[in-house]
Structure formats: structure tokens, C-alpha cells
Amino acid sequence: MTILSLTIFNLIFYSIVGWIIEEVYSFIITGRFKKEGFLKGPYKPMYGIAFTLLILFNEYFNLNIITTIMIYILVPTIVEFISGYLLLKIFNEMYWDYSKLRYNYKGLITLKFSLYWGVLSYIGITYVNPVVRNFYLSLELFIRPINVILAIIILIDIILTITSKLNLKKSRLLNS
């Protein structure tokens, strides 16, 4: 097993899981699925990045329970803030707005969702990831080429989306 291949798998897998979680949450809360996202495909890299970082922390550092809980809350919250901040500053787009919730910061993060991330992270690291890791290890040779294909698809989506949005922003600035 290579750490790089497993890390790429985790990034992709948990990006897809994050998209599913968001869609199910949206449906439960609003009765409909979300229509928009930054990327076109069924993945949310923000979740893949946060959860992969948590996996790496969990596997490579022997942290006490208090530190672990804080990391389970802080890492996803920081990734969410950085993602939201960059989307807002670079593209002038806000894909979520917590400004009406108590204990929010700039509408990008809020205590309520930080605690959700903490609980989901604990469940994911403790119960889901061991199963996912065993699945990966049992099919690693088969999964590696799929990793490459999916990584290329996601990278193309990211490049095309960023290019398109920057061109749209440039066009709006020229027309105003």
C-alpha cells in the first residue's frame, strides 16, 4: 500500500461522501436537493480535504482525547472557513450563509455546524474509515487506476470551473 494512493482515494471518496451528506441534509431540511455547487460533479473537495487531514492526524499522531475532539471540530471548521472565504473573495460567490445563526463568524462558519462536524468526524474516523480502509486495501490494485481517472476528472472540473468563473468575473468587470 502506498500512502499517496490511499490519500488520493480518501480525498476522492470523502469528497463524494460529503456531496451525499449535503444533498441528504438539504432534502431533510428543505424537502428538495441542492441545485448548485461550485463544481459540476457529485463531489465536494472541502469534505475530502478535511476528512483526509483528520485521517492523517489520527494515524500519525498519538493525541489525547481532548486534543482529538478539538481537532475533529477545528479541522473541518477551518477548511470550511477557508473554502468559503476564498469563494467569496475570488469569485464573489457565497454557497452557504450562516449569518442568521447564532455564534457565526462572517456567515461562513458557526458553532452549530462546527459541532456537527465534530460528531460526524468522530463517527467517520471511528466507525466508517476502518471499513473504507479495509475495502481499499482489499481492492488496492483495482482501485489505483480508478483513483487516477477520478482525480483527472475532478482536476479537469476544477480547472474548467475556475477558468469559467474567472472569465465571467472579468467579463462583468469590463461591462460595468
N, C-alpha and C. Protein backbone atom coordinates (compact mmCIF):
# COMPACT_ATOMS: atom_id res chain seq x y z
N MET A 1 0.85 -1.19 0.00
CA MET A 1 0.00 0.00 0.00
C MET A 1 0.88 1.24 0.00
N THR A 2 0.52 2.18 -0.84
CA THR A 2 1.24 3.45 -0.80
C THR A 2 0.35 4.48 -0.11
N ILE A 3 1.00 5.30 0.68
CA ILE A 3 0.26 6.34 1.40
C ILE A 3 -0.37 7.32 0.42
N LEU A 4 0.35 7.63 -0.65
CA LEU A 4 -0.17 8.57 -1.65
C LEU A 4 -1.45 8.06 -2.29
N SER A 5 -1.46 6.80 -2.69
CA SER A 5 -2.64 6.23 -3.33
C SER A 5 -3.83 6.20 -2.37
N LEU A 6 -3.58 5.81 -1.13
CA LEU A 6 -4.65 5.79 -0.13
C LEU A 6 -5.15 7.21 0.16
N THR A 7 -4.24 8.16 0.21
CA THR A 7 -4.63 9.56 0.47
C THR A 7 -5.48 10.09 -0.68
N ILE A 8 -5.10 9.81 -1.92
CA ILE A 8 -5.90 10.24 -3.07
C ILE A 8 -7.27 9.57 -3.03
N PHE A 9 -7.29 8.29 -2.70
CA PHE A 9 -8.57 7.58 -2.57
C PHE A 9 -9.44 8.26 -1.52
N ASN A 10 -8.86 8.54 -0.35
CA ASN A 10 -9.62 9.20 0.72
C ASN A 10 -10.15 10.55 0.28
N LEU A 11 -9.31 11.34 -0.39
CA LEU A 11 -9.76 12.66 -0.88
C LEU A 11 -10.97 12.52 -1.79
N ILE A 12 -10.89 11.59 -2.72
CA ILE A 12 -11.98 11.40 -3.68
C ILE A 12 -13.21 10.82 -2.99
N PHE A 13 -13.00 9.75 -2.25
CA PHE A 13 -14.13 9.06 -1.61
C PHE A 13 -14.89 9.99 -0.67
N TYR A 14 -14.17 10.68 0.21
CA TYR A 14 -14.86 11.53 1.18
C TYR A 14 -15.39 12.82 0.56
N SER A 15 -14.86 13.23 -0.59
CA SER A 15 -15.47 14.34 -1.34
C SER A 15 -16.84 13.93 -1.86
N ILE A 16 -16.95 12.69 -2.31
CA ILE A 16 -18.24 12.17 -2.78
C ILE A 16 -19.19 11.97 -1.61
N VAL A 17 -18.68 11.42 -0.51
CA VAL A 17 -19.50 11.25 0.70
C VAL A 17 -20.01 12.61 1.19
N GLY A 18 -19.16 13.62 1.15
CA GLY A 18 -19.57 14.97 1.56
C GLY A 18 -20.69 15.51 0.70
N TRP A 19 -20.60 15.28 -0.59
CA TRP A 19 -21.67 15.71 -1.50
C TRP A 19 -22.97 15.00 -1.13
N ILE A 20 -22.90 13.70 -0.88
CA ILE A 20 -24.09 12.93 -0.49
C ILE A 20 -24.68 13.46 0.82
N ILE A 21 -23.83 13.70 1.80
CA ILE A 21 -24.29 14.22 3.10
C ILE A 21 -25.00 15.56 2.91
N GLU A 22 -24.41 16.45 2.11
CA GLU A 22 -25.04 17.76 1.87
C GLU A 22 -26.39 17.62 1.19
N GLU A 23 -26.47 16.74 0.20
CA GLU A 23 -27.73 16.54 -0.52
C GLU A 23 -28.81 15.97 0.40
N VAL A 24 -28.46 14.98 1.19
CA VAL A 24 -29.43 14.37 2.12
C VAL A 24 -29.86 15.39 3.17
N TYR A 25 -28.91 16.14 3.71
CA TYR A 25 -29.24 17.17 4.71
C TYR A 25 -30.17 18.21 4.10
N SER A 26 -29.87 18.67 2.90
CA SER A 26 -30.71 19.64 2.22
C SER A 26 -32.12 19.10 2.02
N PHE A 27 -32.21 17.85 1.60
CA PHE A 27 -33.53 17.25 1.38
C PHE A 27 -34.32 17.14 2.68
N ILE A 28 -33.66 16.75 3.75
CA ILE A 28 -34.33 16.63 5.05
C ILE A 28 -34.82 17.99 5.54
N ILE A 29 -33.99 19.01 5.39
CA ILE A 29 -34.31 20.35 5.90
C ILE A 29 -35.30 21.10 5.00
N THR A 30 -35.10 21.02 3.67
CA THR A 30 -35.91 21.84 2.76
C THR A 30 -36.92 21.05 1.93
N GLY A 31 -36.78 19.73 1.92
CA GLY A 31 -37.66 18.91 1.10
C GLY A 31 -37.22 18.82 -0.35
N ARG A 32 -36.03 19.37 -0.66
CA ARG A 32 -35.51 19.28 -2.02
C ARG A 32 -33.98 19.18 -1.96
N PHE A 33 -33.43 18.67 -3.05
CA PHE A 33 -31.97 18.58 -3.13
C PHE A 33 -31.41 19.92 -3.56
N LYS A 34 -30.15 20.16 -3.20
CA LYS A 34 -29.49 21.41 -3.62
C LYS A 34 -29.29 21.39 -5.12
N LYS A 35 -29.42 22.54 -5.73
CA LYS A 35 -29.27 22.61 -7.19
C LYS A 35 -27.89 23.07 -7.60
N GLU A 36 -27.22 23.81 -6.74
CA GLU A 36 -25.97 24.39 -7.18
C GLU A 36 -24.82 24.00 -6.26
N GLY A 37 -23.67 24.03 -6.82
CA GLY A 37 -22.44 23.82 -6.10
C GLY A 37 -21.34 24.48 -6.91
N PHE A 38 -20.18 24.56 -6.36
CA PHE A 38 -19.09 25.21 -7.08
C PHE A 38 -18.66 24.37 -8.28
N LEU A 39 -18.51 23.08 -8.08
CA LEU A 39 -18.09 22.19 -9.16
C LEU A 39 -19.31 21.51 -9.78
N LYS A 40 -19.11 20.94 -10.96
CA LYS A 40 -20.22 20.29 -11.68
C LYS A 40 -20.49 18.87 -11.20
N GLY A 41 -19.45 18.17 -10.80
CA GLY A 41 -19.59 16.76 -10.45
C GLY A 41 -20.13 16.52 -9.05
N PRO A 42 -20.44 15.27 -8.75
CA PRO A 42 -21.01 14.92 -7.44
C PRO A 42 -19.91 14.72 -6.38
N TYR A 43 -19.22 15.80 -6.07
CA TYR A 43 -18.17 15.75 -5.07
C TYR A 43 -17.97 17.14 -4.51
N LYS A 44 -17.55 17.18 -3.27
CA LYS A 44 -17.26 18.43 -2.57
C LYS A 44 -15.87 18.28 -1.97
N PRO A 45 -14.83 18.77 -2.65
CA PRO A 45 -13.47 18.60 -2.16
C PRO A 45 -13.23 19.11 -0.74
N MET A 46 -14.01 20.09 -0.31
CA MET A 46 -13.88 20.61 1.05
C MET A 46 -13.99 19.47 2.07
N TYR A 47 -14.94 18.57 1.86
CA TYR A 47 -15.12 17.44 2.77
C TYR A 47 -13.97 16.45 2.65
N GLY A 48 -13.55 16.17 1.42
CA GLY A 48 -12.45 15.25 1.21
C GLY A 48 -11.16 15.74 1.86
N ILE A 49 -10.90 17.04 1.72
CA ILE A 49 -9.69 17.62 2.31
C ILE A 49 -9.76 17.53 3.83
N ALA A 50 -10.86 17.97 4.41
CA ALA A 50 -10.99 17.98 5.87
C ALA A 50 -10.88 16.57 6.44
N PHE A 51 -11.59 15.63 5.85
CA PHE A 51 -11.61 14.29 6.41
C PHE A 51 -10.28 13.58 6.20
N THR A 52 -9.63 13.82 5.08
CA THR A 52 -8.30 13.23 4.84
C THR A 52 -7.30 13.78 5.84
N LEU A 53 -7.36 15.07 6.14
CA LEU A 53 -6.49 15.63 7.17
C LEU A 53 -6.76 14.96 8.52
N LEU A 54 -8.03 14.74 8.85
CA LEU A 54 -8.37 14.08 10.11
C LEU A 54 -7.83 12.65 10.16
N ILE A 55 -7.92 11.95 9.05
CA ILE A 55 -7.38 10.58 8.98
C ILE A 55 -5.88 10.62 9.23
N LEU A 56 -5.18 11.55 8.60
CA LEU A 56 -3.73 11.65 8.77
C LEU A 56 -3.37 12.00 10.21
N PHE A 57 -4.09 12.95 10.81
CA PHE A 57 -3.87 13.27 12.23
C PHE A 57 -4.07 12.03 13.08
N ASN A 58 -5.15 11.33 12.83
CA ASN A 58 -5.50 10.16 13.63
C ASN A 58 -4.45 9.04 13.50
N GLU A 59 -3.92 8.86 12.29
CA GLU A 59 -2.99 7.75 12.05
C GLU A 59 -1.56 8.06 12.45
N TYR A 60 -1.14 9.31 12.37
CA TYR A 60 0.27 9.62 12.55
C TYR A 60 0.60 10.36 13.84
N PHE A 61 -0.41 10.74 14.61
CA PHE A 61 -0.16 11.42 15.87
C PHE A 61 -0.90 10.68 16.98
N ASN A 62 -0.23 10.51 18.09
CA ASN A 62 -0.85 9.87 19.24
C ASN A 62 -1.38 10.99 20.15
N LEU A 63 -2.59 11.42 19.88
CA LEU A 63 -3.16 12.56 20.59
C LEU A 63 -4.10 12.10 21.69
N ASN A 64 -4.16 12.88 22.76
CA ASN A 64 -5.11 12.54 23.82
C ASN A 64 -6.53 12.86 23.36
N ILE A 65 -7.50 12.40 24.11
CA ILE A 65 -8.91 12.50 23.69
C ILE A 65 -9.38 13.95 23.55
N ILE A 66 -8.94 14.83 24.43
CA ILE A 66 -9.36 16.24 24.37
C ILE A 66 -8.82 16.89 23.08
N THR A 67 -7.54 16.66 22.80
CA THR A 67 -6.94 17.21 21.59
C THR A 67 -7.62 16.64 20.35
N THR A 68 -7.91 15.34 20.38
CA THR A 68 -8.58 14.69 19.25
C THR A 68 -9.95 15.31 19.00
N ILE A 69 -10.72 15.51 20.04
CA ILE A 69 -12.05 16.12 19.89
C ILE A 69 -11.92 17.53 19.32
N MET A 70 -10.95 18.29 19.82
CA MET A 70 -10.75 19.66 19.32
C MET A 70 -10.38 19.62 17.83
N ILE A 71 -9.54 18.67 17.45
CA ILE A 71 -9.15 18.56 16.03
C ILE A 71 -10.35 18.17 15.18
N TYR A 72 -11.20 17.27 15.69
CA TYR A 72 -12.40 16.85 14.96
C TYR A 72 -13.35 18.03 14.72
N ILE A 73 -13.32 19.00 15.59
CA ILE A 73 -14.16 20.19 15.43
C ILE A 73 -13.44 21.25 14.59
N LEU A 74 -12.17 21.50 14.91
CA LEU A 74 -11.45 22.61 14.29
C LEU A 74 -11.05 22.38 12.83
N VAL A 75 -10.56 21.21 12.49
CA VAL A 75 -10.09 20.99 11.11
C VAL A 75 -11.21 21.22 10.09
N PRO A 76 -12.38 20.56 10.24
CA PRO A 76 -13.44 20.83 9.25
C PRO A 76 -13.91 22.29 9.27
N THR A 77 -13.92 22.89 10.45
CA THR A 77 -14.36 24.28 10.56
C THR A 77 -13.37 25.21 9.84
N ILE A 78 -12.09 24.97 10.02
CA ILE A 78 -11.08 25.79 9.35
C ILE A 78 -11.14 25.59 7.84
N VAL A 79 -11.27 24.35 7.40
CA VAL A 79 -11.38 24.08 5.96
C VAL A 79 -12.63 24.75 5.40
N GLU A 80 -13.74 24.68 6.13
CA GLU A 80 -14.98 25.32 5.69
C GLU A 80 -14.79 26.84 5.59
N PHE A 81 -14.14 27.43 6.59
CA PHE A 81 -13.93 28.88 6.57
C PHE A 81 -13.04 29.28 5.39
N ILE A 82 -11.92 28.60 5.22
CA ILE A 82 -11.00 28.94 4.13
C ILE A 82 -11.69 28.78 2.78
N SER A 83 -12.44 27.69 2.62
CA SER A 83 -13.17 27.47 1.35
C SER A 83 -14.16 28.58 1.10
N GLY A 84 -14.98 28.88 2.09
CA GLY A 84 -15.98 29.93 1.94
C GLY A 84 -15.36 31.29 1.70
N TYR A 85 -14.30 31.59 2.42
CA TYR A 85 -13.61 32.87 2.28
C TYR A 85 -13.04 33.02 0.87
N LEU A 86 -12.37 31.99 0.39
CA LEU A 86 -11.79 32.05 -0.96
C LEU A 86 -12.86 32.19 -2.03
N LEU A 87 -13.94 31.43 -1.90
CA LEU A 87 -15.04 31.54 -2.87
C LEU A 87 -15.61 32.96 -2.89
N LEU A 88 -15.74 33.54 -1.71
CA LEU A 88 -16.29 34.89 -1.61
C LEU A 88 -15.32 35.93 -2.16
N LYS A 89 -14.05 35.85 -1.78
CA LYS A 89 -13.08 36.86 -2.19
C LYS A 89 -12.68 36.74 -3.66
N ILE A 90 -12.52 35.52 -4.14
CA ILE A 90 -12.05 35.35 -5.52
C ILE A 90 -13.20 35.44 -6.53
N PHE A 91 -14.34 34.81 -6.20
CA PHE A 91 -15.43 34.70 -7.18
C PHE A 91 -16.66 35.51 -6.80
N ASN A 92 -16.64 36.13 -5.62
CA ASN A 92 -17.78 36.89 -5.11
C ASN A 92 -19.04 36.02 -5.04
N GLU A 93 -18.84 34.77 -4.63
CA GLU A 93 -19.95 33.82 -4.51
C GLU A 93 -19.95 33.23 -3.11
N MET A 94 -21.16 33.08 -2.56
CA MET A 94 -21.32 32.51 -1.23
C MET A 94 -22.28 31.34 -1.35
N TYR A 95 -21.76 30.13 -1.14
CA TYR A 95 -22.57 28.92 -1.33
C TYR A 95 -23.30 28.51 -0.07
N TRP A 96 -22.97 29.09 1.05
CA TRP A 96 -23.71 28.89 2.29
C TRP A 96 -23.62 30.18 3.08
N ASP A 97 -24.62 30.40 3.91
CA ASP A 97 -24.67 31.63 4.68
C ASP A 97 -25.24 31.33 6.06
N TYR A 98 -24.36 31.36 7.03
CA TYR A 98 -24.76 31.10 8.41
C TYR A 98 -25.03 32.38 9.19
N SER A 99 -25.12 33.50 8.50
CA SER A 99 -25.23 34.79 9.20
C SER A 99 -26.48 34.92 10.06
N LYS A 100 -27.50 34.13 9.79
CA LYS A 100 -28.71 34.19 10.61
C LYS A 100 -28.65 33.25 11.82
N LEU A 101 -27.60 32.45 11.88
CA LEU A 101 -27.44 31.53 13.00
C LEU A 101 -26.59 32.19 14.08
N ARG A 102 -26.87 31.84 15.33
CA ARG A 102 -26.09 32.38 16.44
C ARG A 102 -24.66 31.84 16.38
N TYR A 103 -23.77 32.62 16.92
CA TYR A 103 -22.37 32.24 17.04
C TYR A 103 -21.72 31.93 15.69
N ASN A 104 -22.02 32.78 14.70
CA ASN A 104 -21.39 32.61 13.39
C ASN A 104 -20.25 33.62 13.26
N TYR A 105 -19.37 33.35 12.33
CA TYR A 105 -18.30 34.28 12.02
C TYR A 105 -18.34 34.55 10.52
N LYS A 106 -18.68 35.80 10.18
CA LYS A 106 -18.78 36.27 8.80
C LYS A 106 -19.75 35.44 7.95
N GLY A 107 -20.64 34.72 8.60
CA GLY A 107 -21.62 33.90 7.88
C GLY A 107 -21.02 32.65 7.26
N LEU A 108 -19.71 32.43 7.47
CA LEU A 108 -19.02 31.31 6.83
C LEU A 108 -18.89 30.08 7.73
N ILE A 109 -18.83 30.32 9.02
CA ILE A 109 -18.78 29.21 9.97
C ILE A 109 -19.69 29.54 11.15
N THR A 110 -20.13 28.52 11.84
CA THR A 110 -20.98 28.72 13.00
C THR A 110 -20.75 27.57 13.98
N LEU A 111 -20.95 27.87 15.24
CA LEU A 111 -20.75 26.86 16.28
C LEU A 111 -21.60 25.62 16.04
N LYS A 112 -22.85 25.82 15.61
CA LYS A 112 -23.76 24.70 15.37
C LYS A 112 -23.15 23.69 14.39
N PHE A 113 -22.68 24.17 13.25
CA PHE A 113 -22.12 23.26 12.25
C PHE A 113 -20.74 22.76 12.66
N SER A 114 -19.98 23.55 13.41
CA SER A 114 -18.70 23.06 13.92
C SER A 114 -18.92 21.85 14.82
N LEU A 115 -19.96 21.91 15.64
CA LEU A 115 -20.27 20.76 16.50
C LEU A 115 -20.77 19.58 15.67
N TYR A 116 -21.56 19.86 14.63
CA TYR A 116 -21.97 18.79 13.70
C TYR A 116 -20.73 18.11 13.11
N TRP A 117 -19.78 18.94 12.65
CA TRP A 117 -18.56 18.39 12.04
C TRP A 117 -17.82 17.52 13.05
N GLY A 118 -17.79 17.97 14.31
CA GLY A 118 -17.11 17.19 15.34
C GLY A 118 -17.73 15.81 15.51
N VAL A 119 -19.06 15.76 15.58
CA VAL A 119 -19.77 14.48 15.74
C VAL A 119 -19.59 13.61 14.50
N LEU A 120 -19.78 14.19 13.32
CA LEU A 120 -19.61 13.43 12.08
C LEU A 120 -18.16 12.93 11.93
N SER A 121 -17.21 13.75 12.34
CA SER A 121 -15.81 13.33 12.26
C SER A 121 -15.54 12.15 13.18
N TYR A 122 -16.07 12.22 14.40
CA TYR A 122 -15.88 11.11 15.34
C TYR A 122 -16.47 9.82 14.77
N ILE A 123 -17.70 9.90 14.29
CA ILE A 123 -18.36 8.71 13.71
C ILE A 123 -17.56 8.21 12.51
N GLY A 124 -17.16 9.13 11.65
CA GLY A 124 -16.44 8.75 10.44
C GLY A 124 -15.10 8.11 10.73
N ILE A 125 -14.31 8.72 11.60
CA ILE A 125 -12.98 8.19 11.91
C ILE A 125 -13.08 6.87 12.68
N THR A 126 -14.02 6.81 13.61
CA THR A 126 -14.12 5.63 14.49
C THR A 126 -14.78 4.44 13.81
N TYR A 127 -15.85 4.68 13.05
CA TYR A 127 -16.64 3.56 12.53
C TYR A 127 -16.58 3.39 11.00
N VAL A 128 -16.58 4.48 10.26
CA VAL A 128 -16.65 4.40 8.80
C VAL A 128 -15.27 4.16 8.20
N ASN A 129 -14.29 4.96 8.59
CA ASN A 129 -12.99 4.86 7.93
C ASN A 129 -12.32 3.49 8.06
N PRO A 130 -12.40 2.79 9.18
CA PRO A 130 -11.80 1.45 9.21
C PRO A 130 -12.38 0.51 8.14
N VAL A 131 -13.68 0.60 7.90
CA VAL A 131 -14.33 -0.22 6.87
C VAL A 131 -13.86 0.22 5.49
N VAL A 132 -13.82 1.53 5.27
CA VAL A 132 -13.39 2.08 3.98
C VAL A 132 -11.93 1.70 3.71
N ARG A 133 -11.10 1.81 4.72
CA ARG A 133 -9.68 1.46 4.57
C ARG A 133 -9.51 -0.03 4.22
N ASN A 134 -10.25 -0.90 4.91
CA ASN A 134 -10.17 -2.33 4.61
C ASN A 134 -10.66 -2.62 3.18
N PHE A 135 -11.72 -1.93 2.77
CA PHE A 135 -12.22 -2.05 1.40
C PHE A 135 -11.12 -1.67 0.42
N TYR A 136 -10.50 -0.51 0.66
CA TYR A 136 -9.43 -0.04 -0.21
C TYR A 136 -8.29 -1.07 -0.26
N LEU A 137 -7.85 -1.54 0.90
CA LEU A 137 -6.72 -2.48 0.94
C LEU A 137 -7.04 -3.79 0.22
N SER A 138 -8.29 -4.23 0.30
CA SER A 138 -8.66 -5.49 -0.35
C SER A 138 -8.72 -5.37 -1.87
N LEU A 139 -8.89 -4.15 -2.37
CA LEU A 139 -9.01 -3.93 -3.83
C LEU A 139 -8.02 -2.90 -4.35
N GLU A 140 -6.92 -2.71 -3.65
CA GLU A 140 -5.99 -1.62 -3.99
C GLU A 140 -5.53 -1.64 -5.44
N LEU A 141 -5.16 -2.78 -5.95
CA LEU A 141 -4.67 -2.84 -7.33
C LEU A 141 -5.75 -2.46 -8.35
N PHE A 142 -6.98 -2.76 -8.04
CA PHE A 142 -8.10 -2.40 -8.90
C PHE A 142 -8.44 -0.91 -8.74
N ILE A 143 -8.33 -0.41 -7.52
CA ILE A 143 -8.73 0.97 -7.22
C ILE A 143 -7.71 1.99 -7.73
N ARG A 144 -6.44 1.65 -7.76
CA ARG A 144 -5.41 2.62 -8.17
C ARG A 144 -5.69 3.27 -9.53
N PRO A 145 -5.99 2.50 -10.58
CA PRO A 145 -6.27 3.17 -11.86
C PRO A 145 -7.55 4.00 -11.81
N ILE A 146 -8.53 3.56 -11.02
CA ILE A 146 -9.77 4.34 -10.86
C ILE A 146 -9.45 5.65 -10.16
N ASN A 147 -8.56 5.60 -9.17
CA ASN A 147 -8.09 6.82 -8.49
C ASN A 147 -7.57 7.83 -9.50
N VAL A 148 -6.72 7.36 -10.39
CA VAL A 148 -6.10 8.25 -11.37
C VAL A 148 -7.16 8.86 -12.28
N ILE A 149 -8.07 8.04 -12.76
CA ILE A 149 -9.13 8.52 -13.65
C ILE A 149 -10.01 9.55 -12.94
N LEU A 150 -10.45 9.22 -11.73
CA LEU A 150 -11.31 10.15 -10.98
C LEU A 150 -10.57 11.43 -10.61
N ALA A 151 -9.30 11.32 -10.24
CA ALA A 151 -8.52 12.51 -9.91
C ALA A 151 -8.40 13.41 -11.13
N ILE A 152 -8.19 12.83 -12.30
CA ILE A 152 -8.10 13.63 -13.54
C ILE A 152 -9.44 14.30 -13.83
N ILE A 153 -10.54 13.57 -13.67
CA ILE A 153 -11.88 14.15 -13.90
C ILE A 153 -12.12 15.32 -12.96
N ILE A 154 -11.80 15.14 -11.69
CA ILE A 154 -12.02 16.21 -10.70
C ILE A 154 -11.11 17.40 -11.00
N LEU A 155 -9.86 17.15 -11.35
CA LEU A 155 -8.95 18.25 -11.69
C LEU A 155 -9.43 19.02 -12.91
N ILE A 156 -9.91 18.31 -13.91
CA ILE A 156 -10.47 18.98 -15.09
C ILE A 156 -11.67 19.83 -14.69
N ASP A 157 -12.54 19.29 -13.85
CA ASP A 157 -13.70 20.04 -13.38
C ASP A 157 -13.25 21.30 -12.64
N ILE A 158 -12.26 21.17 -11.77
CA ILE A 158 -11.75 22.32 -11.02
C ILE A 158 -11.17 23.36 -11.97
N ILE A 159 -10.35 22.94 -12.90
CA ILE A 159 -9.72 23.87 -13.85
C ILE A 159 -10.76 24.57 -14.71
N LEU A 160 -11.70 23.80 -15.27
CA LEU A 160 -12.74 24.40 -16.12
C LEU A 160 -13.64 25.34 -15.33
N THR A 161 -13.99 24.94 -14.11
CA THR A 161 -14.86 25.79 -13.29
C THR A 161 -14.17 27.09 -12.92
N ILE A 162 -12.93 26.99 -12.46
CA ILE A 162 -12.20 28.21 -12.08
C ILE A 162 -12.01 29.11 -13.29
N THR A 163 -11.61 28.55 -14.41
CA THR A 163 -11.43 29.34 -15.63
C THR A 163 -12.73 30.02 -16.04
N SER A 164 -13.81 29.27 -16.04
CA SER A 164 -15.11 29.82 -16.42
C SER A 164 -15.54 30.94 -15.48
N LYS A 165 -15.39 30.72 -14.19
CA LYS A 165 -15.82 31.73 -13.22
C LYS A 165 -14.94 32.98 -13.26
N LEU A 166 -13.65 32.79 -13.47
CA LEU A 166 -12.77 33.95 -13.59
C LEU A 166 -13.07 34.75 -14.87
N ASN A 167 -13.36 34.05 -15.96
CA ASN A 167 -13.73 34.74 -17.20
C ASN A 167 -15.05 35.49 -17.04
N LEU A 168 -16.01 34.88 -16.34
CA LEU A 168 -17.29 35.55 -16.08
C LEU A 168 -17.07 36.79 -15.22
N LYS A 169 -16.24 36.67 -14.19
CA LYS A 169 -15.94 37.80 -13.33
C LYS A 169 -15.27 38.92 -14.12
N LYS A 170 -14.32 38.55 -14.98
CA LYS A 170 -13.63 39.52 -15.81
C LYS A 170 -14.58 40.23 -16.76
N SER A 171 -15.49 39.45 -17.34
CA SER A 171 -16.50 39.99 -18.27
C SER A 171 -17.42 40.97 -17.54
N ARG A 172 -17.82 40.62 -16.33
CA ARG A 172 -18.70 41.52 -15.55
C ARG A 172 -17.98 42.81 -15.22
N LEU A 173 -16.70 42.72 -14.88
CA LEU A 173 -15.93 43.92 -14.55
C LEU A 173 -15.78 44.82 -15.77
N LEU A 174 -15.57 44.22 -16.95
CA LEU A 174 -15.43 45.00 -18.17
C LEU A 174 -16.73 45.67 -18.58
N ASN A 175 -17.87 45.00 -18.28
CA ASN A 175 -19.18 45.54 -18.66
C ASN A 175 -19.76 46.50 -17.63
N SER A 176 -19.09 46.70 -16.52
CA SER A 176 -19.67 47.59 -15.50
C SER A 176 -19.02 48.94 -15.51
